[in-house]
């Protein structure tokens, strides 16, 4: 997953959350949370980052840089 796809997916998740709320449906936050966890998991996997429990939080800016 490259940077552009990551950012587009992030924007689509936010738009989905707003649309879901405007339609009056419940549990939109849960679906967006699950989608965000999956998105971050695949982004970290693509960048060959260490797992969360052994990784450092200093690698977060790496999400927005080219691999």
N, C-alpha and C. Protein backbone atom coordinates (compact mmCIF):
# COMPACT_ATOMS: atom_id res chain seq x y z
N UNK A 1 0.86 -1.17 0.00
CA UNK A 1 0.00 0.00 0.00
C UNK A 1 0.90 1.23 0.00
N UNK A 2 0.78 2.02 -1.02
CA UNK A 2 1.61 3.22 -1.08
C UNK A 2 0.95 4.37 -0.32
N UNK A 3 1.65 5.48 -0.22
CA UNK A 3 1.18 6.62 0.57
C UNK A 3 -0.13 7.17 0.03
N UNK A 4 -0.26 7.27 -1.27
CA UNK A 4 -1.48 7.82 -1.87
C UNK A 4 -2.70 6.96 -1.53
N UNK A 5 -2.56 5.66 -1.68
CA UNK A 5 -3.67 4.76 -1.37
C UNK A 5 -4.02 4.83 0.12
N UNK A 6 -3.02 4.96 0.97
CA UNK A 6 -3.26 5.08 2.40
C UNK A 6 -4.07 6.34 2.72
N UNK A 7 -3.67 7.47 2.16
CA UNK A 7 -4.37 8.73 2.43
C UNK A 7 -5.77 8.73 1.84
N UNK A 8 -5.94 8.19 0.63
CA UNK A 8 -7.27 8.10 0.02
C UNK A 8 -8.17 7.20 0.86
N UNK A 9 -7.65 6.08 1.34
CA UNK A 9 -8.43 5.18 2.18
C UNK A 9 -8.82 5.85 3.49
N UNK A 10 -7.92 6.63 4.05
CA UNK A 10 -8.21 7.36 5.28
C UNK A 10 -9.32 8.38 5.06
N UNK A 11 -9.27 9.10 3.96
CA UNK A 11 -10.31 10.09 3.63
C UNK A 11 -11.65 9.38 3.39
N UNK A 12 -11.62 8.25 2.71
CA UNK A 12 -12.86 7.50 2.48
C UNK A 12 -13.47 6.98 3.79
N UNK A 13 -12.63 6.56 4.72
CA UNK A 13 -13.15 6.13 6.02
C UNK A 13 -13.83 7.28 6.75
N UNK A 14 -13.22 8.45 6.71
CA UNK A 14 -13.82 9.62 7.37
C UNK A 14 -15.12 10.01 6.68
N UNK A 15 -15.14 9.99 5.35
CA UNK A 15 -16.36 10.31 4.61
C UNK A 15 -17.46 9.29 4.90
N UNK A 16 -17.07 8.02 5.01
CA UNK A 16 -18.03 6.97 5.34
C UNK A 16 -18.64 7.21 6.71
N UNK A 17 -17.81 7.60 7.67
CA UNK A 17 -18.31 7.86 9.02
C UNK A 17 -19.31 9.02 9.02
N UNK A 18 -19.00 10.09 8.30
CA UNK A 18 -19.91 11.25 8.23
C UNK A 18 -21.21 10.87 7.54
N UNK A 19 -21.13 10.16 6.43
CA UNK A 19 -22.33 9.72 5.72
C UNK A 19 -23.17 8.79 6.56
N UNK A 20 -22.51 7.86 7.26
CA UNK A 20 -23.21 6.91 8.11
C UNK A 20 -23.99 7.64 9.20
N UNK A 21 -23.39 8.69 9.77
CA UNK A 21 -24.06 9.47 10.80
C UNK A 21 -25.22 10.28 10.25
N UNK A 22 -25.08 10.82 9.04
CA UNK A 22 -26.15 11.59 8.42
C UNK A 22 -27.36 10.72 8.09
N UNK A 23 -27.12 9.46 7.80
CA UNK A 23 -28.21 8.53 7.50
C UNK A 23 -28.92 8.05 8.76
N UNK A 24 -28.37 8.36 9.92
CA UNK A 24 -29.00 7.99 11.18
C UNK A 24 -28.74 6.55 11.59
N UNK A 25 -27.79 5.90 10.99
CA UNK A 25 -27.49 4.52 11.35
C UNK A 25 -26.58 4.47 12.57
N UNK A 26 -26.72 3.41 13.33
CA UNK A 26 -25.91 3.23 14.52
C UNK A 26 -24.69 2.37 14.21
N UNK A 27 -23.75 2.37 15.10
CA UNK A 27 -22.54 1.54 15.03
C UNK A 27 -21.60 1.95 13.91
N UNK A 28 -21.72 3.14 13.39
CA UNK A 28 -20.80 3.61 12.36
C UNK A 28 -19.39 3.77 12.90
N UNK A 29 -19.29 4.20 14.14
CA UNK A 29 -17.98 4.37 14.76
C UNK A 29 -17.23 3.06 14.90
N UNK A 30 -17.95 1.99 15.20
CA UNK A 30 -17.32 0.67 15.33
C UNK A 30 -16.78 0.21 13.98
N UNK A 31 -17.55 0.39 12.94
CA UNK A 31 -17.10 -0.02 11.61
C UNK A 31 -15.90 0.80 11.15
N UNK A 32 -15.90 2.07 11.45
CA UNK A 32 -14.77 2.92 11.08
C UNK A 32 -13.54 2.54 11.90
N UNK A 33 -13.72 2.22 13.17
CA UNK A 33 -12.60 1.80 14.01
C UNK A 33 -11.96 0.51 13.47
N UNK A 34 -12.78 -0.46 13.12
CA UNK A 34 -12.26 -1.71 12.57
C UNK A 34 -11.55 -1.44 11.24
N UNK A 35 -12.12 -0.59 10.41
CA UNK A 35 -11.48 -0.24 9.15
C UNK A 35 -10.15 0.46 9.36
N UNK A 36 -10.07 1.33 10.35
CA UNK A 36 -8.83 2.04 10.64
C UNK A 36 -7.75 1.08 11.15
N UNK A 37 -8.13 0.14 11.99
CA UNK A 37 -7.16 -0.84 12.48
C UNK A 37 -6.63 -1.67 11.32
N UNK A 38 -7.50 -2.10 10.43
CA UNK A 38 -7.06 -2.88 9.27
C UNK A 38 -6.17 -2.04 8.35
N UNK A 39 -6.53 -0.80 8.15
CA UNK A 39 -5.74 0.08 7.29
C UNK A 39 -4.34 0.30 7.85
N UNK A 40 -4.25 0.57 9.14
CA UNK A 40 -2.95 0.77 9.77
C UNK A 40 -2.13 -0.52 9.77
N UNK A 41 -2.81 -1.66 9.99
CA UNK A 41 -2.10 -2.93 9.97
C UNK A 41 -1.44 -3.17 8.62
N UNK A 42 -2.19 -2.99 7.54
CA UNK A 42 -1.63 -3.24 6.21
C UNK A 42 -0.56 -2.21 5.84
N UNK A 43 -0.73 -0.97 6.30
CA UNK A 43 0.29 0.04 6.02
C UNK A 43 1.60 -0.30 6.73
N UNK A 44 1.50 -0.70 8.00
CA UNK A 44 2.71 -1.09 8.74
C UNK A 44 3.35 -2.33 8.12
N UNK A 45 2.54 -3.26 7.70
CA UNK A 45 3.07 -4.48 7.09
C UNK A 45 3.80 -4.16 5.79
N UNK A 46 3.25 -3.26 5.00
CA UNK A 46 3.87 -2.88 3.74
C UNK A 46 5.21 -2.20 3.97
N UNK A 47 5.33 -1.41 5.03
CA UNK A 47 6.56 -0.69 5.32
C UNK A 47 7.55 -1.52 6.14
N UNK A 48 7.22 -2.79 6.40
CA UNK A 48 8.07 -3.71 7.17
C UNK A 48 8.43 -3.14 8.54
N UNK A 49 7.43 -2.60 9.23
CA UNK A 49 7.65 -2.08 10.57
C UNK A 49 7.53 -3.22 11.58
N UNK A 50 8.14 -3.03 12.72
CA UNK A 50 8.04 -4.02 13.78
C UNK A 50 6.62 -4.00 14.36
N UNK A 51 6.21 -5.08 15.02
CA UNK A 51 4.89 -5.09 15.65
C UNK A 51 4.75 -3.99 16.69
N UNK A 52 3.51 -3.66 17.01
CA UNK A 52 3.23 -2.57 17.94
C UNK A 52 3.90 -2.80 19.30
N UNK A 53 3.87 -4.03 19.78
CA UNK A 53 4.37 -4.30 21.12
C UNK A 53 5.90 -4.27 21.20
N UNK A 54 6.59 -4.30 20.07
CA UNK A 54 8.05 -4.18 20.09
C UNK A 54 8.52 -2.91 19.39
N UNK A 55 7.61 -2.22 18.73
CA UNK A 55 7.98 -1.04 17.96
C UNK A 55 7.99 0.22 18.80
N UNK A 56 8.55 1.24 18.23
CA UNK A 56 8.61 2.54 18.88
C UNK A 56 7.59 3.47 18.24
N UNK A 57 7.07 4.40 19.00
CA UNK A 57 6.11 5.35 18.45
C UNK A 57 6.78 6.38 17.55
N UNK A 58 8.10 6.39 17.53
CA UNK A 58 8.81 7.36 16.69
C UNK A 58 8.70 7.01 15.21
N UNK A 59 8.17 5.82 14.87
CA UNK A 59 8.03 5.46 13.46
C UNK A 59 6.71 5.92 12.86
N UNK A 60 5.87 6.60 13.63
CA UNK A 60 4.58 7.06 13.12
C UNK A 60 4.72 8.00 11.92
N UNK A 61 5.68 8.95 11.91
CA UNK A 61 5.82 9.80 10.72
C UNK A 61 6.13 9.02 9.45
N UNK A 62 6.60 7.80 9.60
CA UNK A 62 6.92 6.97 8.44
C UNK A 62 5.66 6.67 7.60
N UNK A 63 4.48 6.75 8.22
CA UNK A 63 3.24 6.52 7.48
C UNK A 63 3.08 7.50 6.32
N UNK A 64 3.58 8.69 6.49
CA UNK A 64 3.34 9.75 5.51
C UNK A 64 4.55 10.06 4.64
N UNK A 65 5.53 9.17 4.67
CA UNK A 65 6.70 9.32 3.81
C UNK A 65 6.71 8.24 2.77
N UNK A 66 7.40 8.49 1.69
CA UNK A 66 7.52 7.46 0.67
C UNK A 66 8.40 6.34 1.18
N UNK A 67 8.04 5.08 0.87
CA UNK A 67 8.87 3.95 1.33
C UNK A 67 10.20 3.90 0.63
